[in-house]
Amino acid sequence: MWLEITSMKSKKVEDAPLDITPEPTKDYEVRFIVWKTKDIECMDFEGTSDIFIRSFFDPDHESLTDTHWRCQNGEGSFNWRNLIPLKSKQSSYNLSI
């Protein structure tokens, strides 16, 4: 009885190893100005609205303007400068206003 023994050699990996280090976070800063509003619907039963602007990229970190109380014509003048700092790996965002 003959027994043949062959050695099983592992294949050489010719591909370079994958780089799995996480991407560094990038710092962004978004600046915009809210000048005025117009055609805001009057929602109160008295025909007025309390107008304010809420802006955010992430609902947990929002930015609010001051409030124009009891506006009757749907127009508000804000002149509100927003500065939103971001730290993330993404390069595109959706700004909600």
Protein backbone atom coordinates (compact mmCIF):
# COMPACT_ATOMS: atom_id res chain seq x y z
CA MET A 1 0.00 0.00 0.00
CA TRP A 2 1.41 3.28 -1.06
CA LEU A 3 0.48 6.51 0.65
CA GLU A 4 1.18 9.71 -1.19
CA ILE A 5 1.51 12.83 0.92
CA THR A 6 1.33 16.17 -0.76
CA SER A 7 1.91 19.43 0.98
CA MET A 8 -0.75 22.06 0.74
CA LYS A 9 0.86 25.45 0.41
CA SER A 10 -1.19 28.54 1.11
CA LYS A 11 -1.71 30.95 -1.74
CA LYS A 12 0.26 34.12 -1.71
CA VAL A 13 -1.87 37.17 -1.33
CA GLU A 14 -0.87 39.42 -4.13
CA ASP A 15 -3.34 42.19 -3.33
CA ALA A 16 -2.27 45.04 -1.11
CA PRO A 17 -3.97 45.08 2.30
CA LEU A 18 -7.06 47.24 2.60
CA ASP A 19 -6.72 50.44 4.55
CA ILE A 20 -9.52 50.37 7.13
CA THR A 21 -8.54 53.40 9.17
CA PRO A 22 -11.52 55.73 9.67
CA GLU A 23 -11.68 58.94 7.67
CA PRO A 24 -10.73 62.02 9.65
CA THR A 25 -13.52 64.41 10.46
CA LYS A 26 -13.61 67.66 8.55
CA ASP A 27 -14.58 71.02 9.98
CA TYR A 28 -17.20 73.03 8.11
CA GLU A 29 -18.85 76.33 8.86
CA VAL A 30 -22.11 77.37 7.24
CA ARG A 31 -23.13 81.04 7.24
CA PHE A 32 -26.36 82.48 5.93
CA ILE A 33 -28.63 85.45 6.58
CA VAL A 34 -32.39 85.51 7.00
CA TRP A 35 -33.44 88.97 5.80
CA LYS A 36 -37.21 88.96 5.50
CA THR A 37 -40.25 86.76 5.20
CA LYS A 38 -43.37 87.34 3.13
CA ASP A 39 -46.64 85.59 2.44
CA ILE A 40 -46.67 83.79 5.81
CA GLU A 41 -50.15 82.46 6.43
CA CYS A 42 -51.95 83.90 9.47
CA MET A 43 -52.75 80.86 11.59
CA ASP A 44 -54.30 82.26 14.79
CA PHE A 45 -58.04 82.73 15.14
CA GLU A 46 -57.39 86.49 15.42
CA GLY A 47 -55.74 86.60 11.96
CA THR A 48 -52.16 86.88 13.26
CA SER A 49 -49.08 84.65 13.39
CA ASP A 50 -45.97 84.49 15.54
CA ILE A 51 -43.19 84.25 12.94
CA PHE A 52 -39.79 82.68 13.58
CA ILE A 53 -37.28 80.75 11.48
CA ARG A 54 -35.89 77.37 12.54
CA SER A 55 -32.88 76.01 10.62
CA PHE A 56 -30.86 72.83 11.09
CA PHE A 57 -28.78 70.12 9.48
CA ASP A 58 -29.50 67.77 12.36
CA PRO A 59 -32.79 68.28 14.29
CA ASP A 60 -30.91 67.80 17.58
CA HIS A 61 -28.83 70.93 16.89
CA GLU A 62 -31.14 73.63 15.61
CA SER A 63 -30.84 77.39 15.30
CA LEU A 64 -33.81 79.69 15.96
CA THR A 65 -34.31 83.35 15.12
CA ASP A 66 -36.15 85.77 17.34
CA THR A 67 -39.96 85.78 17.14
CA HIS A 68 -42.13 88.44 15.53
CA TRP A 69 -45.21 88.32 17.72
CA ARG A 70 -48.73 88.84 16.36
CA CYS A 71 -47.72 89.58 12.76
CA GLN A 72 -50.83 90.52 10.76
CA ASN A 73 -49.54 90.93 7.20
CA GLY A 74 -47.33 87.82 6.87
CA GLU A 75 -44.12 89.85 6.59
CA GLY A 76 -41.27 89.77 9.06
CA SER A 77 -37.95 91.62 9.00
CA PHE A 78 -35.21 89.62 10.73
CA ASN A 79 -31.69 90.52 9.54
CA TRP A 80 -30.63 87.35 11.37
CA ARG A 81 -27.12 85.99 10.75
CA ASN A 82 -26.72 82.25 11.27
CA LEU A 83 -23.44 80.48 11.86
CA ILE A 84 -23.60 76.68 12.08
CA PRO A 85 -20.37 74.74 12.78
CA LEU A 86 -20.19 71.16 11.51
CA LYS A 87 -17.76 68.34 12.17
CA SER A 88 -18.32 65.32 10.01
CA LYS A 89 -17.04 62.89 7.45
CA GLN A 90 -19.76 63.76 4.96
CA SER A 91 -19.22 66.27 2.20
CA SER A 92 -22.89 67.02 1.44
CA TYR A 93 -25.77 67.98 3.71
CA ASN A 94 -29.39 69.03 3.57
CA LEU A 95 -30.20 72.31 5.27
CA SER A 96 -33.77 72.45 6.57
CA ILE A 97 -35.38 75.84 7.11
